N, C-alpha and C. Protein backbone atom coordinates (compact mmCIF):
# COMPACT_ATOMS: atom_id res chain seq x y z
N ILE A 1 29.89 55.67 -9.42
CA ILE A 1 30.79 54.66 -9.96
C ILE A 1 29.95 53.47 -10.38
N CYS A 2 30.11 53.04 -11.63
CA CYS A 2 29.29 51.97 -12.18
C CYS A 2 30.17 50.84 -12.72
N GLU A 3 29.56 49.68 -12.92
CA GLU A 3 30.33 48.50 -13.32
C GLU A 3 30.77 48.53 -14.77
N ASN A 4 30.07 49.29 -15.62
CA ASN A 4 30.46 49.36 -17.02
C ASN A 4 29.90 50.64 -17.65
N PRO A 5 30.35 50.98 -18.87
CA PRO A 5 29.88 52.22 -19.51
C PRO A 5 28.37 52.27 -19.71
N GLU A 6 27.76 51.13 -19.99
CA GLU A 6 26.31 51.10 -20.22
C GLU A 6 25.55 51.52 -18.96
N LYS A 7 25.96 50.97 -17.82
CA LYS A 7 25.30 51.31 -16.55
C LYS A 7 25.54 52.77 -16.20
N LEU A 8 26.74 53.25 -16.48
CA LEU A 8 27.05 54.66 -16.23
C LEU A 8 26.14 55.55 -17.07
N GLY A 9 26.00 55.20 -18.34
CA GLY A 9 25.15 55.99 -19.23
C GLY A 9 23.71 56.00 -18.79
N GLU A 10 23.20 54.84 -18.37
CA GLU A 10 21.82 54.75 -17.90
C GLU A 10 21.60 55.59 -16.65
N SER A 11 22.56 55.52 -15.73
CA SER A 11 22.45 56.29 -14.48
C SER A 11 22.47 57.79 -14.76
N ALA A 12 23.38 58.21 -15.62
CA ALA A 12 23.49 59.64 -15.96
C ALA A 12 22.25 60.12 -16.69
N ALA A 13 21.72 59.27 -17.57
CA ALA A 13 20.52 59.64 -18.32
C ALA A 13 19.32 59.83 -17.39
N LYS A 14 19.18 58.95 -16.42
CA LYS A 14 18.07 59.06 -15.47
C LYS A 14 18.18 60.35 -14.67
N GLU A 15 19.39 60.66 -14.21
CA GLU A 15 19.58 61.90 -13.43
C GLU A 15 19.31 63.13 -14.29
N THR A 16 19.79 63.10 -15.53
CA THR A 16 19.59 64.23 -16.44
C THR A 16 18.12 64.41 -16.75
N ALA A 17 17.43 63.31 -17.03
CA ALA A 17 16.00 63.38 -17.34
C ALA A 17 15.20 63.94 -16.17
N GLU A 18 15.59 63.56 -14.96
CA GLU A 18 14.89 64.06 -13.78
C GLU A 18 15.07 65.57 -13.64
N ILE A 19 16.27 66.06 -13.92
CA ILE A 19 16.52 67.49 -13.89
C ILE A 19 15.66 68.21 -14.93
N LEU A 20 15.60 67.66 -16.13
CA LEU A 20 14.81 68.27 -17.20
C LEU A 20 13.33 68.29 -16.85
N ARG A 21 12.83 67.17 -16.32
CA ARG A 21 11.40 67.11 -15.96
C ARG A 21 11.08 68.11 -14.85
N LYS A 22 11.97 68.25 -13.90
CA LYS A 22 11.75 69.20 -12.80
C LYS A 22 11.71 70.64 -13.33
N CYS A 23 12.62 70.97 -14.24
CA CYS A 23 12.64 72.31 -14.82
C CYS A 23 11.37 72.60 -15.61
N ILE A 24 10.95 71.61 -16.39
CA ILE A 24 9.72 71.78 -17.18
C ILE A 24 8.52 71.97 -16.27
N ALA A 25 8.47 71.20 -15.17
CA ALA A 25 7.36 71.31 -14.24
C ALA A 25 7.34 72.68 -13.55
N GLU A 26 8.52 73.21 -13.27
CA GLU A 26 8.62 74.46 -12.51
C GLU A 26 8.48 75.71 -13.39
N LYS A 27 9.00 75.67 -14.61
CA LYS A 27 8.99 76.89 -15.43
C LYS A 27 8.51 76.69 -16.86
N GLY A 28 8.15 75.46 -17.21
CA GLY A 28 7.58 75.21 -18.52
C GLY A 28 8.56 74.94 -19.63
N SER A 29 9.87 74.94 -19.32
CA SER A 29 10.87 74.69 -20.35
C SER A 29 12.18 74.27 -19.69
N ALA A 30 13.12 73.80 -20.51
CA ALA A 30 14.43 73.41 -20.00
C ALA A 30 15.46 73.60 -21.10
N ARG A 31 16.71 73.77 -20.69
CA ARG A 31 17.81 73.93 -21.64
C ARG A 31 18.95 72.99 -21.24
N ILE A 32 19.49 72.28 -22.26
CA ILE A 32 20.54 71.30 -22.01
C ILE A 32 21.71 71.56 -22.95
N ALA A 33 22.93 71.35 -22.44
CA ALA A 33 24.14 71.43 -23.25
C ALA A 33 24.70 70.02 -23.39
N LEU A 34 25.01 69.61 -24.62
CA LEU A 34 25.50 68.26 -24.86
C LEU A 34 26.90 68.28 -25.43
N SER A 35 27.76 67.45 -24.83
CA SER A 35 29.08 67.21 -25.41
C SER A 35 29.01 65.94 -26.23
N THR A 36 30.12 65.62 -26.89
CA THR A 36 30.11 64.49 -27.81
C THR A 36 31.30 63.58 -27.51
N GLY A 37 31.75 62.83 -28.49
CA GLY A 37 32.87 61.92 -28.28
C GLY A 37 32.40 60.54 -27.83
N ALA A 38 33.33 59.60 -27.84
CA ALA A 38 33.01 58.21 -27.51
C ALA A 38 32.47 58.06 -26.09
N SER A 39 32.90 58.91 -25.16
CA SER A 39 32.49 58.77 -23.76
C SER A 39 31.01 59.05 -23.55
N GLN A 40 30.38 59.72 -24.51
CA GLN A 40 28.97 60.08 -24.35
C GLN A 40 28.01 59.14 -25.06
N PHE A 41 28.54 58.14 -25.78
CA PHE A 41 27.68 57.23 -26.54
C PHE A 41 26.54 56.65 -25.70
N ASP A 42 26.90 56.02 -24.57
CA ASP A 42 25.89 55.31 -23.79
C ASP A 42 24.94 56.25 -23.05
N THR A 43 25.43 57.40 -22.65
CA THR A 43 24.57 58.37 -21.96
C THR A 43 23.49 58.89 -22.90
N ILE A 44 23.91 59.32 -24.09
CA ILE A 44 22.94 59.85 -25.05
C ILE A 44 21.98 58.76 -25.52
N LYS A 45 22.49 57.56 -25.73
CA LYS A 45 21.65 56.44 -26.15
C LYS A 45 20.54 56.19 -25.13
N ALA A 46 20.89 56.29 -23.85
CA ALA A 46 19.90 56.07 -22.79
C ALA A 46 19.00 57.29 -22.61
N LEU A 47 19.54 58.47 -22.80
CA LEU A 47 18.77 59.70 -22.57
C LEU A 47 17.58 59.82 -23.53
N VAL A 48 17.77 59.46 -24.79
CA VAL A 48 16.68 59.61 -25.76
C VAL A 48 15.51 58.65 -25.47
N LYS A 49 15.74 57.68 -24.61
CA LYS A 49 14.68 56.73 -24.24
C LYS A 49 13.91 57.18 -23.01
N GLU A 50 14.41 58.22 -22.34
CA GLU A 50 13.77 58.71 -21.12
C GLU A 50 12.47 59.46 -21.44
N ASP A 51 11.57 59.45 -20.47
CA ASP A 51 10.28 60.12 -20.61
C ASP A 51 10.44 61.61 -20.31
N VAL A 52 10.72 62.38 -21.36
CA VAL A 52 10.91 63.82 -21.26
C VAL A 52 10.07 64.48 -22.35
N ASP A 53 9.42 65.59 -22.02
CA ASP A 53 8.68 66.34 -23.03
C ASP A 53 9.68 67.19 -23.81
N TRP A 54 10.25 66.60 -24.85
CA TRP A 54 11.31 67.26 -25.60
C TRP A 54 10.83 68.51 -26.32
N SER A 55 9.54 68.66 -26.50
CA SER A 55 9.03 69.86 -27.17
C SER A 55 9.25 71.11 -26.31
N LYS A 56 9.66 70.91 -25.08
CA LYS A 56 9.92 72.03 -24.18
C LYS A 56 11.41 72.16 -23.85
N VAL A 57 12.24 71.47 -24.62
CA VAL A 57 13.69 71.45 -24.34
C VAL A 57 14.49 72.04 -25.51
N GLU A 58 15.40 72.94 -25.18
CA GLU A 58 16.36 73.46 -26.16
C GLU A 58 17.71 72.82 -25.91
N MET A 59 18.37 72.41 -26.98
CA MET A 59 19.70 71.79 -26.88
C MET A 59 20.77 72.72 -27.41
N PHE A 60 21.87 72.83 -26.67
CA PHE A 60 23.04 73.56 -27.12
C PHE A 60 24.21 72.60 -27.25
N HIS A 61 25.03 72.88 -28.21
CA HIS A 61 26.13 72.02 -28.63
C HIS A 61 27.43 72.69 -28.17
N LEU A 62 28.41 71.89 -27.73
CA LEU A 62 29.62 72.47 -27.14
C LEU A 62 30.66 72.95 -28.14
N ASP A 63 30.94 72.15 -29.17
CA ASP A 63 32.09 72.50 -30.00
C ASP A 63 32.03 71.84 -31.37
N GLU A 64 32.85 72.38 -32.27
CA GLU A 64 32.95 71.81 -33.62
C GLU A 64 34.29 72.24 -34.22
N TYR A 65 34.85 71.35 -35.02
CA TYR A 65 36.09 71.67 -35.71
C TYR A 65 35.88 72.79 -36.72
N VAL A 66 36.89 73.62 -36.87
CA VAL A 66 36.86 74.67 -37.89
C VAL A 66 37.02 74.04 -39.27
N ASP A 67 36.16 74.45 -40.18
CA ASP A 67 36.22 74.03 -41.58
C ASP A 67 36.01 72.54 -41.81
N LEU A 68 35.33 71.87 -40.90
CA LEU A 68 35.01 70.46 -41.11
C LEU A 68 33.55 70.34 -41.54
N PRO A 69 33.28 69.78 -42.71
CA PRO A 69 31.89 69.68 -43.18
C PRO A 69 31.06 68.76 -42.31
N ILE A 70 29.76 69.01 -42.24
CA ILE A 70 28.87 68.21 -41.42
C ILE A 70 28.78 66.77 -41.93
N THR A 71 29.19 66.54 -43.15
CA THR A 71 29.15 65.20 -43.73
C THR A 71 30.31 64.32 -43.25
N HIS A 72 31.35 64.92 -42.67
CA HIS A 72 32.49 64.16 -42.18
C HIS A 72 32.09 63.37 -40.94
N LYS A 73 32.57 62.14 -40.81
CA LYS A 73 32.15 61.30 -39.68
C LYS A 73 32.59 61.85 -38.33
N ALA A 74 33.59 62.74 -38.33
CA ALA A 74 34.06 63.34 -37.07
C ALA A 74 33.29 64.59 -36.69
N SER A 75 32.40 65.06 -37.56
CA SER A 75 31.63 66.27 -37.25
C SER A 75 30.75 66.04 -36.04
N PHE A 76 30.82 66.94 -35.09
CA PHE A 76 29.99 66.81 -33.89
C PHE A 76 28.54 67.21 -34.15
N ARG A 77 28.32 68.01 -35.18
CA ARG A 77 26.94 68.27 -35.59
C ARG A 77 26.30 66.98 -36.10
N LYS A 78 27.04 66.26 -36.92
CA LYS A 78 26.56 64.98 -37.45
C LYS A 78 26.32 64.00 -36.30
N TYR A 79 27.25 63.96 -35.36
CA TYR A 79 27.16 63.09 -34.18
C TYR A 79 25.84 63.33 -33.43
N LEU A 80 25.57 64.57 -33.10
CA LEU A 80 24.37 64.89 -32.32
C LEU A 80 23.09 64.76 -33.14
N GLN A 81 23.17 65.06 -34.42
CA GLN A 81 21.99 64.90 -35.27
C GLN A 81 21.58 63.43 -35.32
N GLU A 82 22.55 62.56 -35.54
CA GLU A 82 22.25 61.13 -35.73
C GLU A 82 21.99 60.38 -34.42
N ARG A 83 22.58 60.85 -33.31
CA ARG A 83 22.45 60.12 -32.05
C ARG A 83 21.43 60.73 -31.09
N PHE A 84 21.11 62.00 -31.30
CA PHE A 84 20.18 62.66 -30.37
C PHE A 84 18.98 63.28 -31.09
N VAL A 85 19.23 64.26 -31.94
CA VAL A 85 18.14 65.01 -32.55
C VAL A 85 17.19 64.12 -33.34
N ASP A 86 17.73 63.18 -34.12
CA ASP A 86 16.88 62.30 -34.92
C ASP A 86 15.99 61.40 -34.06
N PHE A 87 16.40 61.18 -32.81
CA PHE A 87 15.63 60.30 -31.91
C PHE A 87 14.61 61.07 -31.07
N VAL A 88 14.70 62.39 -31.07
CA VAL A 88 13.73 63.21 -30.33
C VAL A 88 13.18 64.27 -31.29
N PRO A 89 12.39 63.84 -32.27
CA PRO A 89 11.92 64.74 -33.33
C PRO A 89 11.07 65.91 -32.85
N THR A 90 10.57 65.83 -31.63
CA THR A 90 9.76 66.93 -31.12
C THR A 90 10.60 67.99 -30.40
N LEU A 91 11.93 67.81 -30.39
CA LEU A 91 12.81 68.76 -29.70
C LEU A 91 12.48 70.19 -30.10
N LYS A 92 12.36 71.05 -29.09
CA LYS A 92 11.98 72.44 -29.34
C LYS A 92 12.96 73.14 -30.27
N LYS A 93 14.27 72.98 -30.01
CA LYS A 93 15.27 73.66 -30.82
C LYS A 93 16.64 73.04 -30.57
N ALA A 94 17.43 72.93 -31.65
CA ALA A 94 18.81 72.48 -31.53
C ALA A 94 19.72 73.60 -32.03
N HIS A 95 20.61 74.04 -31.17
CA HIS A 95 21.55 75.11 -31.52
C HIS A 95 22.92 74.48 -31.74
N PHE A 96 23.32 74.37 -33.01
CA PHE A 96 24.58 73.73 -33.35
C PHE A 96 25.72 74.73 -33.52
N VAL A 97 26.92 74.30 -33.16
CA VAL A 97 28.13 75.05 -33.47
C VAL A 97 28.52 74.67 -34.89
N ASP A 98 28.63 75.66 -35.79
CA ASP A 98 28.92 75.32 -37.17
C ASP A 98 30.40 75.39 -37.52
N GLY A 99 31.24 75.70 -36.53
CA GLY A 99 32.68 75.72 -36.77
C GLY A 99 33.19 76.96 -37.46
N THR A 100 32.38 78.01 -37.50
CA THR A 100 32.81 79.26 -38.13
C THR A 100 32.81 80.40 -37.11
N VAL A 101 33.67 81.37 -37.36
CA VAL A 101 33.72 82.56 -36.50
C VAL A 101 32.40 83.32 -36.61
N GLU A 102 31.84 83.34 -37.81
CA GLU A 102 30.59 84.06 -38.05
C GLU A 102 29.43 83.49 -37.22
N GLY A 103 29.47 82.21 -36.96
CA GLY A 103 28.39 81.57 -36.23
C GLY A 103 28.40 81.85 -34.74
N ILE A 104 29.53 82.34 -34.22
CA ILE A 104 29.67 82.56 -32.79
C ILE A 104 28.68 83.61 -32.28
N LYS A 105 28.48 84.68 -33.01
CA LYS A 105 27.59 85.77 -32.57
C LYS A 105 26.18 85.26 -32.33
N LYS A 106 25.62 84.51 -33.28
CA LYS A 106 24.25 84.01 -33.15
C LYS A 106 24.14 83.03 -32.00
N LEU A 107 25.13 82.15 -31.86
CA LEU A 107 25.13 81.19 -30.75
C LEU A 107 25.16 81.91 -29.40
N THR A 108 25.99 82.94 -29.33
CA THR A 108 26.12 83.70 -28.09
C THR A 108 24.80 84.37 -27.73
N GLU A 109 24.12 84.93 -28.73
CA GLU A 109 22.83 85.57 -28.49
C GLU A 109 21.83 84.58 -27.93
N GLU A 110 21.83 83.36 -28.47
CA GLU A 110 20.86 82.35 -28.04
C GLU A 110 21.18 81.79 -26.67
N ILE A 111 22.44 81.48 -26.41
CA ILE A 111 22.78 80.79 -25.17
C ILE A 111 22.71 81.72 -23.97
N THR A 112 22.85 83.03 -24.20
CA THR A 112 22.82 83.97 -23.08
C THR A 112 21.42 84.50 -22.79
N LYS A 113 20.42 84.01 -23.50
CA LYS A 113 19.04 84.44 -23.23
C LYS A 113 18.53 83.91 -21.90
N ALA A 114 19.03 82.77 -21.49
CA ALA A 114 18.58 82.14 -20.24
C ALA A 114 19.63 81.12 -19.81
N PRO A 115 19.64 80.74 -18.53
CA PRO A 115 20.64 79.78 -18.05
C PRO A 115 20.45 78.40 -18.68
N ILE A 116 21.55 77.65 -18.75
CA ILE A 116 21.50 76.24 -19.13
C ILE A 116 21.20 75.44 -17.86
N ASP A 117 20.17 74.63 -17.90
CA ASP A 117 19.75 73.91 -16.69
C ASP A 117 20.66 72.73 -16.37
N VAL A 118 21.12 72.03 -17.39
CA VAL A 118 22.02 70.90 -17.16
C VAL A 118 22.95 70.72 -18.35
N GLY A 119 24.20 70.44 -18.04
CA GLY A 119 25.19 70.21 -19.09
C GLY A 119 25.78 68.81 -18.95
N LEU A 120 25.78 68.06 -20.04
CA LEU A 120 26.48 66.77 -20.06
C LEU A 120 27.87 67.07 -20.59
N ILE A 121 28.81 67.16 -19.70
CA ILE A 121 30.15 67.65 -20.04
C ILE A 121 31.18 66.54 -19.86
N GLY A 122 31.77 66.08 -20.95
CA GLY A 122 32.80 65.06 -20.87
C GLY A 122 34.14 65.66 -20.48
N ILE A 123 35.13 64.81 -20.38
CA ILE A 123 36.48 65.28 -20.07
C ILE A 123 37.46 64.52 -20.95
N GLY A 124 38.44 65.24 -21.50
CA GLY A 124 39.39 64.62 -22.41
C GLY A 124 40.54 63.94 -21.70
N GLU A 125 41.30 63.16 -22.45
CA GLU A 125 42.45 62.46 -21.88
C GLU A 125 43.48 63.42 -21.33
N ASN A 126 43.54 64.63 -21.89
CA ASN A 126 44.47 65.64 -21.39
C ASN A 126 43.78 66.62 -20.44
N THR A 127 42.58 66.25 -19.98
CA THR A 127 41.71 67.01 -19.06
C THR A 127 40.94 68.14 -19.74
N HIS A 128 40.91 68.17 -21.07
CA HIS A 128 40.14 69.25 -21.71
C HIS A 128 38.64 69.08 -21.44
N ILE A 129 37.93 70.20 -21.37
CA ILE A 129 36.47 70.20 -21.35
C ILE A 129 36.03 71.02 -22.56
N ALA A 130 35.04 70.49 -23.28
CA ALA A 130 34.78 70.95 -24.65
C ALA A 130 36.13 70.86 -25.36
N PHE A 131 36.54 71.90 -26.07
CA PHE A 131 37.88 71.86 -26.68
C PHE A 131 38.80 72.87 -26.00
N ASN A 132 38.61 73.07 -24.70
CA ASN A 132 39.49 73.94 -23.93
C ASN A 132 40.63 73.09 -23.38
N ASP A 133 41.72 73.01 -24.16
CA ASP A 133 42.89 72.24 -23.73
C ASP A 133 43.63 73.01 -22.64
N PRO A 134 44.27 72.28 -21.70
CA PRO A 134 45.05 72.97 -20.68
C PRO A 134 46.34 73.57 -21.28
N PRO A 135 46.74 74.76 -20.83
CA PRO A 135 46.05 75.61 -19.85
C PRO A 135 44.91 76.37 -20.51
N ALA A 136 43.70 76.09 -20.10
CA ALA A 136 42.52 76.70 -20.69
C ALA A 136 42.40 78.17 -20.33
N ASN A 137 41.64 78.89 -21.13
CA ASN A 137 41.41 80.31 -20.88
C ASN A 137 40.27 80.45 -19.85
N PHE A 138 40.64 80.75 -18.61
CA PHE A 138 39.66 80.91 -17.54
C PHE A 138 39.24 82.37 -17.38
N ASP A 139 39.85 83.25 -18.14
CA ASP A 139 39.60 84.68 -17.97
C ASP A 139 38.50 85.22 -18.89
N THR A 140 38.40 84.69 -20.10
CA THR A 140 37.42 85.22 -21.04
C THR A 140 35.99 85.01 -20.53
N LYS A 141 35.15 85.99 -20.78
CA LYS A 141 33.73 85.88 -20.44
C LYS A 141 32.89 85.68 -21.71
N GLU A 142 33.58 85.43 -22.82
CA GLU A 142 32.89 85.09 -24.06
C GLU A 142 32.21 83.73 -23.90
N SER A 143 31.20 83.47 -24.71
CA SER A 143 30.52 82.18 -24.64
C SER A 143 31.18 81.12 -25.51
N TYR A 144 31.65 81.53 -26.68
CA TYR A 144 32.34 80.63 -27.61
C TYR A 144 33.57 81.34 -28.16
N ILE A 145 34.65 80.59 -28.32
CA ILE A 145 35.89 81.14 -28.88
C ILE A 145 36.52 80.13 -29.83
N VAL A 146 37.41 80.61 -30.69
CA VAL A 146 38.21 79.73 -31.53
C VAL A 146 39.44 79.31 -30.72
N VAL A 147 39.71 78.01 -30.68
CA VAL A 147 40.84 77.50 -29.90
C VAL A 147 41.77 76.69 -30.79
N ASN A 148 43.04 76.65 -30.40
CA ASN A 148 44.02 75.79 -31.06
C ASN A 148 44.08 74.47 -30.31
N LEU A 149 44.01 73.37 -31.01
CA LEU A 149 44.00 72.05 -30.39
C LEU A 149 45.43 71.55 -30.21
N ASP A 150 45.76 71.09 -28.99
CA ASP A 150 47.12 70.62 -28.76
C ASP A 150 47.31 69.20 -29.27
N GLU A 151 48.54 68.74 -29.24
CA GLU A 151 48.88 67.43 -29.83
C GLU A 151 48.16 66.28 -29.14
N ALA A 152 48.07 66.33 -27.81
CA ALA A 152 47.40 65.25 -27.07
C ALA A 152 45.93 65.15 -27.44
N CYS A 153 45.29 66.29 -27.58
CA CYS A 153 43.88 66.32 -27.94
C CYS A 153 43.68 65.74 -29.34
N ARG A 154 44.53 66.15 -30.27
CA ARG A 154 44.39 65.68 -31.63
C ARG A 154 44.68 64.18 -31.74
N LYS A 155 45.62 63.70 -30.94
CA LYS A 155 45.92 62.25 -30.92
C LYS A 155 44.73 61.47 -30.39
N GLN A 156 44.03 62.02 -29.39
CA GLN A 156 42.85 61.35 -28.86
C GLN A 156 41.78 61.19 -29.94
N GLN A 157 41.58 62.25 -30.73
CA GLN A 157 40.56 62.19 -31.78
C GLN A 157 40.89 61.12 -32.82
N MET A 158 42.17 60.99 -33.14
CA MET A 158 42.59 59.95 -34.07
C MET A 158 42.46 58.57 -33.42
N GLY A 159 42.86 58.49 -32.13
CA GLY A 159 42.81 57.22 -31.41
C GLY A 159 41.41 56.67 -31.26
N GLU A 160 40.41 57.56 -31.20
CA GLU A 160 39.02 57.13 -31.08
C GLU A 160 38.43 56.74 -32.44
N GLY A 161 39.22 56.91 -33.50
CA GLY A 161 38.79 56.45 -34.82
C GLY A 161 38.07 57.46 -35.67
N TRP A 162 38.06 58.72 -35.26
CA TRP A 162 37.36 59.75 -36.03
C TRP A 162 38.14 60.16 -37.27
N PHE A 163 39.46 60.01 -37.21
CA PHE A 163 40.33 60.35 -38.34
C PHE A 163 41.32 59.22 -38.58
N LYS A 164 41.73 59.04 -39.84
CA LYS A 164 42.65 57.95 -40.17
C LYS A 164 44.08 58.27 -39.78
N THR A 165 44.48 59.54 -39.91
CA THR A 165 45.85 59.93 -39.57
C THR A 165 45.84 61.18 -38.70
N PHE A 166 46.94 61.40 -38.01
CA PHE A 166 47.06 62.57 -37.14
C PHE A 166 46.96 63.86 -37.95
N ASP A 167 47.55 63.87 -39.14
CA ASP A 167 47.54 65.08 -39.96
C ASP A 167 46.15 65.47 -40.44
N GLU A 168 45.23 64.50 -40.46
CA GLU A 168 43.85 64.80 -40.88
C GLU A 168 43.06 65.54 -39.80
N VAL A 169 43.51 65.45 -38.56
CA VAL A 169 42.78 66.07 -37.45
C VAL A 169 42.93 67.59 -37.53
N PRO A 170 41.84 68.34 -37.58
CA PRO A 170 41.94 69.80 -37.64
C PRO A 170 42.74 70.37 -36.48
N LYS A 171 43.35 71.52 -36.72
CA LYS A 171 44.17 72.16 -35.70
C LYS A 171 43.40 73.18 -34.87
N GLN A 172 42.19 73.53 -35.32
CA GLN A 172 41.39 74.52 -34.60
C GLN A 172 39.94 74.07 -34.48
N ALA A 173 39.27 74.63 -33.49
CA ALA A 173 37.85 74.35 -33.28
C ALA A 173 37.19 75.58 -32.67
N VAL A 174 35.88 75.66 -32.82
CA VAL A 174 35.08 76.64 -32.09
C VAL A 174 34.56 75.91 -30.85
N SER A 175 34.83 76.46 -29.68
CA SER A 175 34.49 75.78 -28.44
C SER A 175 33.72 76.68 -27.47
N MET A 176 32.76 76.08 -26.78
CA MET A 176 32.16 76.77 -25.64
C MET A 176 33.27 76.99 -24.62
N THR A 177 33.27 78.15 -24.00
CA THR A 177 34.34 78.48 -23.06
C THR A 177 34.11 77.84 -21.69
N VAL A 178 35.17 77.82 -20.89
CA VAL A 178 35.06 77.35 -19.52
C VAL A 178 34.02 78.18 -18.77
N HIS A 179 34.08 79.50 -18.97
CA HIS A 179 33.13 80.39 -18.30
C HIS A 179 31.69 80.00 -18.62
N GLN A 180 31.40 79.79 -19.90
CA GLN A 180 30.02 79.46 -20.29
C GLN A 180 29.61 78.09 -19.76
N ILE A 181 30.50 77.12 -19.82
CA ILE A 181 30.20 75.79 -19.29
C ILE A 181 29.83 75.87 -17.81
N MET A 182 30.57 76.69 -17.07
CA MET A 182 30.33 76.79 -15.63
C MET A 182 29.08 77.59 -15.29
N GLN A 183 28.40 78.14 -16.31
CA GLN A 183 27.12 78.78 -16.06
C GLN A 183 25.98 77.76 -15.98
N CYS A 184 26.26 76.51 -16.35
CA CYS A 184 25.24 75.46 -16.23
C CYS A 184 24.84 75.32 -14.75
N LYS A 185 23.54 75.25 -14.51
CA LYS A 185 23.08 75.09 -13.13
C LYS A 185 23.51 73.74 -12.55
N MET A 186 23.50 72.72 -13.40
CA MET A 186 23.94 71.38 -12.99
C MET A 186 24.85 70.84 -14.09
N ILE A 187 25.87 70.08 -13.69
CA ILE A 187 26.75 69.43 -14.65
C ILE A 187 26.83 67.94 -14.33
N VAL A 188 26.62 67.12 -15.34
CA VAL A 188 26.76 65.67 -15.22
C VAL A 188 27.92 65.27 -16.12
N SER A 189 28.97 64.74 -15.53
CA SER A 189 30.17 64.42 -16.29
C SER A 189 30.44 62.92 -16.25
N CYS A 190 30.27 62.27 -17.39
CA CYS A 190 30.50 60.83 -17.50
C CYS A 190 31.89 60.56 -18.07
N VAL A 191 32.67 59.75 -17.37
CA VAL A 191 34.02 59.41 -17.82
C VAL A 191 34.19 57.90 -17.72
N PRO A 192 33.81 57.17 -18.78
CA PRO A 192 33.73 55.72 -18.67
C PRO A 192 35.00 54.91 -18.94
N TYR A 193 36.07 55.51 -19.38
CA TYR A 193 37.20 54.70 -19.81
C TYR A 193 38.46 54.91 -18.97
N ALA A 194 39.18 53.81 -18.76
CA ALA A 194 40.39 53.84 -17.93
C ALA A 194 41.45 54.78 -18.49
N VAL A 195 41.45 54.99 -19.80
CA VAL A 195 42.43 55.87 -20.41
C VAL A 195 42.30 57.30 -19.90
N LYS A 196 41.14 57.62 -19.29
CA LYS A 196 40.94 58.97 -18.75
C LYS A 196 41.07 59.03 -17.22
N ALA A 197 41.54 57.95 -16.62
CA ALA A 197 41.66 57.91 -15.15
C ALA A 197 42.60 59.00 -14.64
N ASP A 198 43.70 59.21 -15.34
CA ASP A 198 44.66 60.24 -14.90
C ASP A 198 44.04 61.63 -15.00
N ALA A 199 43.24 61.84 -16.05
CA ALA A 199 42.58 63.15 -16.21
C ALA A 199 41.61 63.41 -15.06
N VAL A 200 40.87 62.38 -14.66
CA VAL A 200 39.94 62.53 -13.53
C VAL A 200 40.72 62.79 -12.24
N TYR A 201 41.79 62.04 -12.04
CA TYR A 201 42.62 62.22 -10.83
C TYR A 201 43.14 63.65 -10.75
N LYS A 202 43.66 64.14 -11.84
CA LYS A 202 44.21 65.50 -11.85
C LYS A 202 43.12 66.55 -11.61
N THR A 203 41.96 66.32 -12.21
CA THR A 203 40.85 67.26 -12.05
C THR A 203 40.43 67.37 -10.59
N LEU A 204 40.41 66.24 -9.91
CA LEU A 204 39.94 66.22 -8.52
C LEU A 204 41.00 66.60 -7.50
N THR A 205 42.28 66.50 -7.87
CA THR A 205 43.33 66.69 -6.86
C THR A 205 44.29 67.84 -7.12
N ALA A 206 44.39 68.29 -8.37
CA ALA A 206 45.37 69.34 -8.69
C ALA A 206 45.04 70.63 -7.94
N LYS A 207 46.08 71.30 -7.46
CA LYS A 207 45.90 72.54 -6.71
C LYS A 207 45.79 73.75 -7.63
N GLU A 208 46.31 73.63 -8.84
CA GLU A 208 46.23 74.74 -9.78
C GLU A 208 46.33 74.23 -11.19
């Protein structure tokens, strides 16, 4: 628990960097999964400043809207390129979700080659992780699937300023599954805003 989003981001970045450095020291490489959205701004901003040998790190991306070009300001590929990849030019590899069904096979091949050492996994106002809106599919063992976005999720995307109107928000996305997210050896979840307090409460207390 931190006094503000900046302190939360710095704390999470330090913990994440330590995990990455330990993995690199032990096995010569590391793999990280990154989520996006407003809640991750400060964490990623602080993470790129950490002392990590990025040439030994592979990055995996959680989700992307279907049929949204990378040039759109809401594109999560654009988000990670401009906020993370551009700041760590020595990064070993960045595996992006391109928002197409065709791209799922290649992503699955890459992500299942080895475990993800740490995942920075946010949580949505409706408790979604990646774009797995409740009730999420906990049964599939696929790594990425096409999902339908519910109204609450789409309203959040508009509310955060990514789209001008609700109708502009795509109705589908390609998302890393709950199963694949839970394969991360470590998960660091930053939730800096009061608007997500109910989502955190439900996540920690709900029986089902």
